[in-house]
Amino acid sequence: MISYLFRKEASVLTGEITAGLAQRTPLPISDSLEAFALDVEQTLERFGQLDLLIYPEMHLQGTEHLREENRAAALKDAAVRLDDPYVAAIGQIAEEHGIWLCPGSIGERDAAGGYFNTQLLFAPDGNLTASYRKMFPWRPFEPHQPGADFVVSPIEEFGDVGLSNCYDSWFPEHSRHLSWMGAGAILNIVKTTSEDREQELVLAKANAIVNQVYFLSVNCAHPIGRGRSIAVDPEGLVMGEAGLGEDTVVVSLNRERVRRVRTEGTAGTNRLWAQFQHGDAPISLPMYNGELHPARWAPRGFALDA
């Protein structure tokens, strides 16, 4: 933990962290933790001590080795409560290496019998610091219930990050709310096995541009997934993109860059979060039975007239 404490002190001063997007093939649902722990260890050995490591959606609960008709039942059988020893064991991997760890998502059961696709984020001390139930399951193909809560979580060395799970990126309201809640980066875990990864790359850039936020989209690798994990900066510029196979994209996230883009504008011009001024009339949103109100427009921690 000495290494982590030293990195933390340095990162707090700079507001910068190093993140790894671990594009991998899913691990078999029945026995994944040992292989996962080894991959985390080998990734850190190869790329140096990262601050944050992110894996794809349902990375620990792959069912591709099973007959197709048995996969949904296997996923449901493997779902656990968040206080289960299985979840604690993932946290121990984060603690062992002193990193922020997003292992992707797992099947979650709650006390009422709900069944969710839940993204996890562990702190360097091994504690589960945030969990997010996928709000937009890929219907009609996914059996999970939709979550109802947007989730942002502080990474002390950088600031707030928003949790986003795969198909969420197709709904602009999702990334907009995470950014409005203060997220400077969005961790979008993905398991895209279909032909629409090309469109998702466009969405990753668009979500970054219109919200002036880092957007990290981590997909699973070929031959199961379509790969092409991508990291986009707050102006929509591609920081790194993987190919089809297993790979790790390593990028730096800097909270000052987010602040500067939002204050000075994308390409020095577009100041989206300062669009409204005091005295502007609210804009009605009939679709949501609501409104855009100037006093509530700017994100947390960002002044209206900055």
C-alpha atoms as a PDB file:
ATOM      1  CA  MET A   1       0.000   0.000   0.000  1.00  0.00           C
ATOM      2  CA  ILE A   2       3.041   2.300   0.283  1.00  0.00           C
ATOM      3  CA  SER A   3       3.194   2.548  -3.509  1.00  0.00           C
ATOM      4  CA  TYR A   4      -0.504   3.456  -3.645  1.00  0.00           C
ATOM      5  CA  LEU A   5      -0.179   6.147  -0.975  1.00  0.00           C
ATOM      6  CA  PHE A   6       2.748   7.714  -2.845  1.00  0.00           C
ATOM      7  CA  ARG A   7       0.828   7.667  -6.140  1.00  0.00           C
ATOM      8  CA  LYS A   8      -2.250   9.064  -4.437  1.00  0.00           C
ATOM      9  CA  GLU A   9      -0.369  12.012  -2.960  1.00  0.00           C
ATOM     10  CA  ALA A  10       1.182  12.814  -6.331  1.00  0.00           C
ATOM     11  CA  SER A  11      -2.144  12.429  -8.178  1.00  0.00           C
ATOM     12  CA  VAL A  12      -4.059  14.656  -5.768  1.00  0.00           C
ATOM     13  CA  LEU A  13      -1.549  17.416  -6.448  1.00  0.00           C
ATOM     14  CA  THR A  14      -1.776  17.060 -10.240  1.00  0.00           C
ATOM     15  CA  GLY A  15      -5.408  15.951 -10.583  1.00  0.00           C
ATOM     16  CA  GLU A  16      -4.201  13.318 -13.033  1.00  0.00           C
ATOM     17  CA  ILE A  17      -4.600   9.546 -13.015  1.00  0.00           C
ATOM     18  CA  THR A  18      -3.563   6.779 -15.391  1.00  0.00           C
ATOM     19  CA  ALA A  19      -6.343   4.455 -16.534  1.00  0.00           C
ATOM     20  CA  GLY A  20      -6.141   1.123 -18.317  1.00  0.00           C
ATOM     21  CA  LEU A  21      -8.947  -0.100 -20.588  1.00  0.00           C
ATOM     22  CA  ALA A  22      -8.576  -3.885 -20.428  1.00  0.00           C
ATOM     23  CA  GLN A  23     -10.140  -5.300 -23.602  1.00  0.00           C
ATOM     24  CA  ARG A  24     -10.450  -9.024 -22.864  1.00  0.00           C
ATOM     25  CA  THR A  25     -12.490 -12.073 -23.817  1.00  0.00           C
ATOM     26  CA  PRO A  26     -15.036 -13.003 -21.121  1.00  0.00           C
ATOM     27  CA  LEU A  27     -13.973 -15.477 -18.429  1.00  0.00           C
ATOM     28  CA  PRO A  28     -16.067 -18.640 -17.847  1.00  0.00           C
ATOM     29  CA  ILE A  29     -18.819 -18.019 -15.349  1.00  0.00           C
ATOM     30  CA  SER A  30     -18.055 -21.064 -13.214  1.00  0.00           C
ATOM     31  CA  ASP A  31     -14.425 -20.303 -12.360  1.00  0.00           C
ATOM     32  CA  SER A  32     -13.256 -16.808 -13.176  1.00  0.00           C
ATOM     33  CA  LEU A  33     -11.704 -15.143 -10.131  1.00  0.00           C
ATOM     34  CA  GLU A  34      -8.320 -16.894 -10.205  1.00  0.00           C
ATOM     35  CA  ALA A  35      -7.848 -16.120 -13.891  1.00  0.00           C
ATOM     36  CA  PHE A  36      -9.037 -12.562 -13.311  1.00  0.00           C
ATOM     37  CA  ALA A  37      -6.595 -11.992 -10.474  1.00  0.00           C
ATOM     38  CA  LEU A  38      -3.773 -13.269 -12.679  1.00  0.00           C
ATOM     39  CA  ASP A  39      -4.776 -10.964 -15.537  1.00  0.00           C
ATOM     40  CA  VAL A  40      -4.828  -7.928 -13.236  1.00  0.00           C
ATOM     41  CA  GLU A  41      -1.372  -8.842 -11.953  1.00  0.00           C
ATOM     42  CA  GLN A  42       0.060  -9.406 -15.438  1.00  0.00           C
ATOM     43  CA  THR A  43      -1.499  -6.209 -16.784  1.00  0.00           C
ATOM     44  CA  LEU A  44       0.097  -4.133 -14.044  1.00  0.00           C
ATOM     45  CA  GLU A  45       3.428  -5.860 -14.573  1.00  0.00           C
ATOM     46  CA  ARG A  46       3.311  -5.107 -18.288  1.00  0.00           C
ATOM     47  CA  PHE A  47       2.009  -1.533 -18.267  1.00  0.00           C
ATOM     48  CA  GLY A  48       3.264  -0.239 -14.947  1.00  0.00           C
ATOM     49  CA  GLN A  49       1.296   0.735 -11.878  1.00  0.00           C
ATOM     50  CA  LEU A  50      -2.033   2.065 -13.132  1.00  0.00           C
ATOM     51  CA  ASP A  51      -4.390   4.047 -10.911  1.00  0.00           C
ATOM     52  CA  LEU A  52      -7.590   2.702 -12.482  1.00  0.00           C
ATOM     53  CA  LEU A  53      -8.215  -0.545 -14.382  1.00  0.00           C
ATOM     54  CA  ILE A  54     -11.497  -1.149 -16.228  1.00  0.00           C
ATOM     55  CA  TYR A  55     -12.825  -4.423 -17.676  1.00  0.00           C
ATOM     56  CA  PRO A  56     -15.799  -5.101 -20.005  1.00  0.00           C
ATOM     57  CA  GLU A  57     -19.412  -5.776 -19.122  1.00  0.00           C
ATOM     58  CA  MET A  58     -20.069  -9.236 -17.639  1.00  0.00           C
ATOM     59  CA  HIS A  59     -16.366 -10.024 -17.945  1.00  0.00           C
ATOM     60  CA  LEU A  60     -16.404 -12.401 -14.964  1.00  0.00           C
ATOM     61  CA  GLN A  61     -19.571 -14.201 -16.025  1.00  0.00           C
ATOM     62  CA  GLY A  62     -19.002 -15.425 -19.568  1.00  0.00           C
ATOM     63  CA  THR A  63     -21.396 -18.115 -20.783  1.00  0.00           C
ATOM     64  CA  GLU A  64     -20.132 -18.587 -24.324  1.00  0.00           C
ATOM     65  CA  HIS A  65     -18.751 -22.045 -23.465  1.00  0.00           C
ATOM     66  CA  LEU A  66     -22.318 -23.210 -22.691  1.00  0.00           C
ATOM     67  CA  ARG A  67     -25.061 -24.233 -25.076  1.00  0.00           C
ATOM     68  CA  GLU A  68     -27.030 -21.158 -26.059  1.00  0.00           C
ATOM     69  CA  GLU A  69     -30.269 -22.411 -24.535  1.00  0.00           C
ATOM     70  CA  ASN A  70     -28.553 -22.775 -21.136  1.00  0.00           C
ATOM     71  CA  ARG A  71     -26.870 -19.368 -20.941  1.00  0.00           C
ATOM     72  CA  ALA A  72     -29.690 -17.247 -19.498  1.00  0.00           C
ATOM     73  CA  ALA A  73     -30.322 -19.718 -16.674  1.00  0.00           C
ATOM     74  CA  ALA A  74     -26.609 -19.917 -15.874  1.00  0.00           C
ATOM     75  CA  LEU A  75     -26.394 -16.130 -15.592  1.00  0.00           C
ATOM     76  CA  LYS A  76     -29.383 -16.003 -13.292  1.00  0.00           C
ATOM     77  CA  ASP A  77     -28.026 -18.819 -11.112  1.00  0.00           C
ATOM     78  CA  ALA A  78     -24.720 -16.984 -10.729  1.00  0.00           C
ATOM     79  CA  ALA A  79     -26.305 -13.712  -9.592  1.00  0.00           C
ATOM     80  CA  VAL A  80     -25.413 -12.724  -6.018  1.00  0.00           C
ATOM     81  CA  ARG A  81     -26.122 -10.063  -3.418  1.00  0.00           C
ATOM     82  CA  LEU A  82     -23.540  -7.315  -3.178  1.00  0.00           C
ATOM     83  CA  ASP A  83     -22.585  -8.476   0.322  1.00  0.00           C
ATOM     84  CA  ASP A  84     -21.689 -11.929  -1.018  1.00  0.00           C
ATOM     85  CA  PRO A  85     -18.140 -13.274  -0.442  1.00  0.00           C
ATOM     86  CA  TYR A  86     -17.758 -13.412  -4.240  1.00  0.00           C
ATOM     87  CA  VAL A  87     -17.945  -9.614  -4.389  1.00  0.00           C
ATOM     88  CA  ALA A  88     -15.590  -9.257  -1.432  1.00  0.00           C
ATOM     89  CA  ALA A  89     -13.073 -11.494  -3.231  1.00  0.00           C
ATOM     90  CA  ILE A  90     -13.017  -9.077  -6.176  1.00  0.00           C
ATOM     91  CA  GLY A  91     -12.356  -6.251  -3.745  1.00  0.00           C
ATOM     92  CA  GLN A  92      -9.389  -8.144  -2.350  1.00  0.00           C
ATOM     93  CA  ILE A  93      -7.798  -8.079  -5.810  1.00  0.00           C
ATOM     94  CA  ALA A  94      -8.121  -4.282  -5.882  1.00  0.00           C
ATOM     95  CA  GLU A  95      -6.652  -4.052  -2.390  1.00  0.00           C
ATOM     96  CA  GLU A  96      -3.740  -6.348  -3.204  1.00  0.00           C
ATOM     97  CA  HIS A  97      -2.588  -4.005  -5.972  1.00  0.00           C
ATOM     98  CA  GLY A  98      -3.777  -0.715  -4.457  1.00  0.00           C
ATOM     99  CA  ILE A  99      -5.813   0.302  -7.518  1.00  0.00           C
ATOM    100  CA  TRP A 100      -9.246   1.550  -8.405  1.00  0.00           C
ATOM    101  CA  LEU A 101     -10.819  -1.468 -10.100  1.00  0.00           C
ATOM    102  CA  CYS A 102     -13.914  -1.762 -12.269  1.00  0.00           C
ATOM    103  CA  PRO A 103     -14.184  -5.511 -12.980  1.00  0.00           C
ATOM    104  CA  GLY A 104     -17.069  -4.916 -15.386  1.00  0.00           C
ATOM    105  CA  SER A 105     -20.483  -6.006 -14.188  1.00  0.00           C
ATOM    106  CA  ILE A 106     -22.044  -9.059 -12.565  1.00  0.00           C
ATOM    107  CA  GLY A 107     -25.539 -10.405 -12.070  1.00  0.00           C
ATOM    108  CA  GLU A 108     -26.999  -8.950  -8.879  1.00  0.00           C
ATOM    109  CA  ARG A 109     -29.928 -10.161  -6.825  1.00  0.00           C
ATOM    110  CA  ASP A 110     -31.553  -7.926  -4.249  1.00  0.00           C
ATOM    111  CA  ALA A 111     -33.604  -8.722  -1.171  1.00  0.00           C
ATOM    112  CA  ALA A 112     -36.862  -8.348  -3.102  1.00  0.00           C
ATOM    113  CA  GLY A 113     -35.832 -10.878  -5.746  1.00  0.00           C
ATOM    114  CA  GLY A 114     -34.790  -8.322  -8.346  1.00  0.00           C
ATOM    115  CA  TYR A 115     -32.235  -9.327 -10.962  1.00  0.00           C
ATOM    116  CA  PHE A 116     -29.889  -6.682 -12.341  1.00  0.00           C
ATOM    117  CA  ASN A 117     -26.807  -6.241 -14.523  1.00  0.00           C
ATOM    118  CA  THR A 118     -24.693  -4.329 -12.014  1.00  0.00           C
ATOM    119  CA  GLN A 119     -21.448  -2.467 -12.646  1.00  0.00           C
ATOM    120  CA  LEU A 120     -18.968  -2.405  -9.766  1.00  0.00           C
ATOM    121  CA  LEU A 121     -16.202  -0.004  -8.732  1.00  0.00           C
ATOM    122  CA  PHE A 122     -13.736  -0.894  -5.962  1.00  0.00           C
ATOM    123  CA  ALA A 123     -11.427   1.485  -4.131  1.00  0.00           C
ATOM    124  CA  PRO A 124      -7.712   0.742  -3.546  1.00  0.00           C
ATOM    125  CA  ASP A 125      -8.553  -0.406  -0.015  1.00  0.00           C
ATOM    126  CA  GLY A 126     -10.796  -3.121  -1.447  1.00  0.00           C
ATOM    127  CA  ASN A 127     -14.108  -1.558  -0.477  1.00  0.00           C
ATOM    128  CA  LEU A 128     -16.973  -1.534  -2.973  1.00  0.00           C
ATOM    129  CA  THR A 129     -17.253   2.208  -3.409  1.00  0.00           C
ATOM    130  CA  ALA A 130     -20.035   2.242  -6.033  1.00  0.00           C
ATOM    131  CA  SER A 131     -22.473  -0.064  -7.781  1.00  0.00           C
ATOM    132  CA  TYR A 132     -24.727   0.789 -10.695  1.00  0.00           C
ATOM    133  CA  ARG A 133     -27.664  -1.201 -12.059  1.00  0.00           C
ATOM    134  CA  LYS A 134     -27.790  -0.950 -15.837  1.00  0.00           C
ATOM    135  CA  MET A 135     -30.581   1.454 -16.662  1.00  0.00           C
ATOM    136  CA  PHE A 136     -31.085   0.438 -20.295  1.00  0.00           C
ATOM    137  CA  PRO A 137     -30.790  -3.349 -20.759  1.00  0.00           C
ATOM    138  CA  TRP A 138     -30.458  -4.352 -24.411  1.00  0.00           C
ATOM    139  CA  ARG A 139     -34.029  -5.412 -24.991  1.00  0.00           C
ATOM    140  CA  PRO A 140     -35.444  -7.819 -26.012  1.00  0.00           C
ATOM    141  CA  PHE A 141     -32.208  -9.785 -25.660  1.00  0.00           C
ATOM    142  CA  GLU A 142     -31.217  -9.146 -22.023  1.00  0.00           C
ATOM    143  CA  PRO A 143     -33.277 -10.647 -19.173  1.00  0.00           C
ATOM    144  CA  HIS A 144     -32.231  -8.149 -16.493  1.00  0.00           C
ATOM    145  CA  GLN A 145     -34.512  -5.607 -14.879  1.00  0.00           C
ATOM    146  CA  PRO A 146     -33.600  -1.946 -15.508  1.00  0.00           C
ATOM    147  CA  GLY A 147     -32.035   0.099 -12.747  1.00  0.00           C
ATOM    148  CA  ALA A 148     -33.479   3.478 -11.844  1.00  0.00           C
ATOM    149  CA  ASP A 149     -30.574   5.472 -10.381  1.00  0.00           C
ATOM    150  CA  PHE A 150     -27.723   7.377 -12.017  1.00  0.00           C
ATOM    151  CA  VAL A 151     -24.431   6.762 -10.210  1.00  0.00           C
ATOM    152  CA  VAL A 152     -21.322   8.919  -9.935  1.00  0.00           C
ATOM    153  CA  SER A 153     -18.499   8.120  -7.554  1.00  0.00           C
ATOM    154  CA  PRO A 154     -15.463  10.097  -6.419  1.00  0.00           C
ATOM    155  CA  ILE A 155     -11.976   8.945  -7.290  1.00  0.00           C
ATOM    156  CA  GLU A 156     -10.115  11.159  -4.883  1.00  0.00           C
ATOM    157  CA  GLU A 157      -7.100  11.670  -7.123  1.00  0.00           C
ATOM    158  CA  PHE A 158      -9.217  12.808 -10.085  1.00  0.00           C
ATOM    159  CA  GLY A 159     -12.768  13.688  -9.107  1.00  0.00           C
ATOM    160  CA  ASP A 160     -16.141  12.130  -9.848  1.00  0.00           C
ATOM    161  CA  VAL A 161     -16.572   9.428 -12.472  1.00  0.00           C
ATOM    162  CA  GLY A 162     -19.905   8.229 -13.846  1.00  0.00           C
ATOM    163  CA  LEU A 163     -20.848   4.575 -14.295  1.00  0.00           C
ATOM    164  CA  SER A 164     -22.352   3.529 -17.623  1.00  0.00           C
ATOM    165  CA  ASN A 165     -23.144   0.054 -18.925  1.00  0.00           C
ATOM    166  CA  CYS A 166     -23.094  -0.705 -22.657  1.00  0.00           C
ATOM    167  CA  TYR A 167     -26.472   0.216 -24.220  1.00  0.00           C
ATOM    168  CA  ASP A 168     -26.744   3.194 -21.857  1.00  0.00           C
ATOM    169  CA  SER A 169     -24.504   5.096 -24.267  1.00  0.00           C
ATOM    170  CA  TRP A 170     -27.264   5.041 -26.905  1.00  0.00           C
ATOM    171  CA  PHE A 171     -29.470   7.187 -24.662  1.00  0.00           C
ATOM    172  CA  PRO A 172     -28.081  10.760 -24.495  1.00  0.00           C
ATOM    173  CA  GLU A 173     -29.990  11.482 -21.307  1.00  0.00           C
ATOM    174  CA  HIS A 174     -27.755   9.032 -19.475  1.00  0.00           C
ATOM    175  CA  SER A 175     -24.374  10.612 -20.167  1.00  0.00           C
ATOM    176  CA  ARG A 176     -25.888  14.090 -19.798  1.00  0.00           C
ATOM    177  CA  HIS A 177     -27.132  13.316 -16.297  1.00  0.00           C
ATOM    178  CA  LEU A 178     -23.824  11.781 -15.189  1.00  0.00           C
ATOM    179  CA  SER A 179     -21.987  14.871 -16.410  1.00  0.00           C
ATOM    180  CA  TRP A 180     -24.535  17.173 -14.786  1.00  0.00           C
ATOM    181  CA  MET A 181     -24.021  15.275 -11.521  1.00  0.00           C
ATOM    182  CA  GLY A 182     -20.337  16.208 -11.659  1.00  0.00           C
ATOM    183  CA  ALA A 183     -18.650  13.367 -13.541  1.00  0.00           C
ATOM    184  CA  GLY A 184     -15.468  14.376 -15.342  1.00  0.00           C
ATOM    185  CA  ALA A 185     -15.128  10.910 -16.868  1.00  0.00           C
ATOM    186  CA  ILE A 186     -17.637   8.206 -17.792  1.00  0.00           C
ATOM    187  CA  LEU A 187     -16.666   4.531 -17.484  1.00  0.00           C
ATOM    188  CA  ASN A 188     -18.736   2.764 -20.148  1.00  0.00           C
ATOM    189  CA  ILE A 189     -18.302  -1.014 -19.905  1.00  0.00           C
ATOM    190  CA  VAL A 190     -19.467  -2.940 -22.968  1.00  0.00           C
ATOM    191  CA  LYS A 191     -20.170  -6.445 -24.248  1.00  0.00           C
ATOM    192  CA  THR A 192     -20.957  -5.756 -27.874  1.00  0.00           C
ATOM    193  CA  THR A 193     -21.036  -8.971 -29.891  1.00  0.00           C
ATOM    194  CA  SER A 194     -23.246  -7.540 -32.646  1.00  0.00           C
ATOM    195  CA  GLU A 195     -22.428  -5.532 -35.765  1.00  0.00           C
ATOM    196  CA  ASP A 196     -23.092  -2.091 -34.270  1.00  0.00           C
ATOM    197  CA  ARG A 197     -19.726  -1.362 -32.673  1.00  0.00           C
ATOM    198  CA  GLU A 198     -19.007   1.157 -35.426  1.00  0.00           C
ATOM    199  CA  GLN A 199     -22.021   3.191 -34.329  1.00  0.00           C
ATOM    200  CA  GLU A 200     -20.952   2.926 -30.691  1.00  0.00           C
ATOM    201  CA  LEU A 201     -17.617   4.536 -31.532  1.00  0.00           C
ATOM    202  CA  VAL A 202     -19.533   7.505 -32.925  1.00  0.00           C
ATOM    203  CA  LEU A 203     -21.646   7.625 -29.767  1.00  0.00           C
ATOM    204  CA  ALA A 204     -18.537   7.550 -27.548  1.00  0.00           C
ATOM    205  CA  LYS A 205     -17.193  10.620 -29.319  1.00  0.00           C
ATOM    206  CA  ALA A 206     -20.578  12.353 -29.356  1.00  0.00           C
ATOM    207  CA  ASN A 207     -21.198  11.757 -25.642  1.00  0.00           C
ATOM    208  CA  ALA A 208     -17.750  13.155 -24.871  1.00  0.00           C
ATOM    209  CA  ILE A 209     -18.254  16.213 -27.098  1.00  0.00           C
ATOM    210  CA  VAL A 210     -21.723  17.271 -26.017  1.00  0.00           C
ATOM    211  CA  ASN A 211     -20.952  16.811 -22.310  1.00  0.00           C
ATOM    212  CA  GLN A 212     -17.279  17.881 -22.334  1.00  0.00           C
ATOM    213  CA  VAL A 213     -16.291  14.746 -20.449  1.00  0.00           C
ATOM    214  CA  TYR A 214     -13.807  11.892 -20.829  1.00  0.00           C
ATOM    215  CA  PHE A 215     -15.607   8.862 -22.253  1.00  0.00           C
ATOM    216  CA  LEU A 216     -13.966   5.445 -21.823  1.00  0.00           C
ATOM    217  CA  SER A 217     -15.758   2.612 -23.639  1.00  0.00           C
ATOM    218  CA  VAL A 218     -14.298  -0.823 -22.819  1.00  0.00           C
ATOM    219  CA  ASN A 219     -15.568  -3.674 -25.003  1.00  0.00           C
ATOM    220  CA  CYS A 220     -14.829  -7.399 -24.899  1.00  0.00           C
ATOM    221  CA  ALA A 221     -12.387  -8.861 -27.401  1.00  0.00           C
ATOM    222  CA  HIS A 222     -12.684 -11.006 -30.510  1.00  0.00           C
ATOM    223  CA  PRO A 223     -13.799 -13.700 -31.175  1.00  0.00           C
ATOM    224  CA  ILE A 224     -16.707 -13.142 -28.777  1.00  0.00           C
ATOM    225  CA  GLY A 225     -16.878  -9.362 -28.922  1.00  0.00           C
ATOM    226  CA  ARG A 226     -16.223  -6.714 -31.526  1.00  0.00           C
ATOM    227  CA  GLY A 227     -13.378  -5.105 -29.598  1.00  0.00           C
ATOM    228  CA  ARG A 228     -12.311  -1.575 -30.527  1.00  0.00           C
ATOM    229  CA  SER A 229     -12.311  -0.188 -27.010  1.00  0.00           C
ATOM    230  CA  ILE A 230     -11.901   3.569 -27.162  1.00  0.00           C
ATOM    231  CA  ALA A 231     -10.887   6.464 -24.927  1.00  0.00           C
ATOM    232  CA  VAL A 232     -12.125   9.936 -25.902  1.00  0.00           C
ATOM    233  CA  ASP A 233     -11.151  13.233 -24.326  1.00  0.00           C
ATOM    234  CA  PRO A 234     -13.532  16.103 -23.348  1.00  0.00           C
ATOM    235  CA  GLU A 235     -13.255  17.648 -26.816  1.00  0.00           C
ATOM    236  CA  GLY A 236     -14.056  14.401 -28.610  1.00  0.00           C
ATOM    237  CA  LEU A 237     -10.462  13.639 -29.615  1.00  0.00           C
ATOM    238  CA  VAL A 238      -9.496   9.962 -29.604  1.00  0.00           C
ATOM    239  CA  MET A 239      -6.789   9.270 -27.023  1.00  0.00           C
ATOM    240  CA  GLY A 240      -6.484   5.580 -27.830  1.00  0.00           C
ATOM    241  CA  GLU A 241      -8.363   2.795 -29.598  1.00  0.00           C
ATOM    242  CA  ALA A 242      -7.818  -0.962 -29.545  1.00  0.00           C
ATOM    243  CA  GLY A 243      -8.144  -3.403 -32.407  1.00  0.00           C
ATOM    244  CA  LEU A 244     -10.251  -6.557 -32.313  1.00  0.00           C
ATOM    245  CA  GLY A 245      -8.186  -8.821 -30.068  1.00  0.00           C
ATOM    246  CA  GLU A 246      -7.129  -8.606 -26.449  1.00  0.00           C
ATOM    247  CA  ASP A 247      -5.354  -5.354 -25.698  1.00  0.00           C
ATOM    248  CA  THR A 248      -4.949  -2.680 -23.023  1.00  0.00           C
ATOM    249  CA  VAL A 249      -5.378   0.989 -23.865  1.00  0.00           C
ATOM    250  CA  VAL A 250      -3.544   3.196 -21.347  1.00  0.00           C
ATOM    251  CA  VAL A 251      -4.497   6.870 -21.064  1.00  0.00           C
ATOM    252  CA  SER A 252      -4.148   9.770 -18.646  1.00  0.00           C
ATOM    253  CA  LEU A 253      -7.184  11.591 -17.262  1.00  0.00           C
ATOM    254  CA  ASN A 254      -6.697  15.135 -16.003  1.00  0.00           C
ATOM    255  CA  ARG A 255      -9.413  16.981 -14.101  1.00  0.00           C
ATOM    256  CA  GLU A 256      -7.877  20.334 -15.051  1.00  0.00           C
ATOM    257  CA  ARG A 257      -8.432  19.501 -18.724  1.00  0.00           C
ATOM    258  CA  VAL A 258     -12.131  18.978 -18.056  1.00  0.00           C
ATOM    259  CA  ARG A 259     -12.328  22.304 -16.247  1.00  0.00           C
ATOM    260  CA  ARG A 260     -10.410  24.088 -18.981  1.00  0.00           C
ATOM    261  CA  VAL A 261     -12.560  22.714 -21.816  1.00  0.00           C
ATOM    262  CA  ARG A 262     -15.762  23.619 -20.002  1.00  0.00           C
ATOM    263  CA  THR A 263     -14.479  27.100 -19.136  1.00  0.00           C
ATOM    264  CA  GLU A 264     -12.697  28.050 -22.360  1.00  0.00           C
ATOM    265  CA  GLY A 265     -14.862  25.987 -24.699  1.00  0.00           C
ATOM    266  CA  THR A 266     -14.395  23.040 -27.040  1.00  0.00           C
ATOM    267  CA  ALA A 267     -11.815  24.093 -29.631  1.00  0.00           C
ATOM    268  CA  GLY A 268     -11.766  27.363 -27.701  1.00  0.00           C
ATOM    269  CA  THR A 269     -15.324  28.220 -28.735  1.00  0.00           C
ATOM    270  CA  ASN A 270     -18.253  26.137 -27.471  1.00  0.00           C
ATOM    271  CA  ARG A 271     -19.043  26.603 -23.777  1.00  0.00           C
ATOM    272  CA  LEU A 272     -21.982  24.215 -23.528  1.00  0.00           C
ATOM    273  CA  TRP A 273     -22.363  24.251 -19.768  1.00  0.00           C
ATOM    274  CA  ALA A 274     -22.421  28.056 -19.717  1.00  0.00           C
ATOM    275  CA  GLN A 275     -25.138  28.272 -22.361  1.00  0.00           C
ATOM    276  CA  PHE A 276     -27.809  29.742 -20.095  1.00  0.00           C
ATOM    277  CA  GLN A 277     -27.578  33.098 -18.371  1.00  0.00           C
ATOM    278  CA  HIS A 278     -29.352  34.501 -15.344  1.00  0.00           C
ATOM    279  CA  GLY A 279     -32.744  35.759 -16.382  1.00  0.00           C
ATOM    280  CA  ASP A 280     -33.199  33.333 -19.298  1.00  0.00           C
ATOM    281  CA  ALA A 281     -36.622  31.722 -19.408  1.00  0.00           C
ATOM    282  CA  PRO A 282     -36.898  27.971 -18.777  1.00  0.00           C
ATOM    283  CA  ILE A 283     -37.304  25.738 -21.840  1.00  0.00           C
ATOM    284  CA  SER A 284     -40.200  23.316 -21.699  1.00  0.00           C
ATOM    285  CA  LEU A 285     -39.494  19.611 -22.270  1.00  0.00           C
ATOM    286  CA  PRO A 286     -42.890  18.091 -23.083  1.00  0.00           C
ATOM    287  CA  MET A 287     -41.427  14.605 -23.605  1.00  0.00           C
ATOM    288  CA  TYR A 288     -40.330  14.495 -19.955  1.00  0.00           C
ATOM    289  CA  ASN A 289     -43.074  16.659 -18.491  1.00  0.00           C
ATOM    290  CA  GLY A 290     -40.261  18.912 -17.299  1.00  0.00           C
ATOM    291  CA  GLU A 291     -38.007  21.784 -18.289  1.00  0.00           C
ATOM    292  CA  LEU A 292     -34.475  23.039 -18.743  1.00  0.00           C
ATOM    293  CA  HIS A 293     -34.030  25.673 -16.067  1.00  0.00           C
ATOM    294  CA  PRO A 294     -31.067  28.070 -16.242  1.00  0.00           C
ATOM    295  CA  ALA A 295     -30.506  27.898 -12.504  1.00  0.00           C
ATOM    296  CA  ARG A 296     -30.156  24.101 -12.640  1.00  0.00           C
ATOM    297  CA  TRP A 297     -28.305  23.723 -15.924  1.00  0.00           C
ATOM    298  CA  ALA A 298     -24.633  23.781 -14.909  1.00  0.00           C
ATOM    299  CA  PRO A 299     -23.001  20.618 -13.493  1.00  0.00           C
ATOM    300  CA  ARG A 300     -22.097  20.243  -9.847  1.00  0.00           C
ATOM    301  CA  GLY A 301     -18.926  22.175  -9.164  1.00  0.00           C
ATOM    302  CA  PHE A 302     -19.232  24.334 -12.279  1.00  0.00           C
ATOM    303  CA  ALA A 303     -20.468  27.914 -11.899  1.00  0.00           C
ATOM    304  CA  LEU A 304     -23.329  29.066 -14.132  1.00  0.00           C
ATOM    305  CA  ASP A 305     -21.443  31.990 -15.637  1.00  0.00           C
ATOM    306  CA  ALA A 306     -17.943  30.446 -15.513  1.00  0.00           C
END
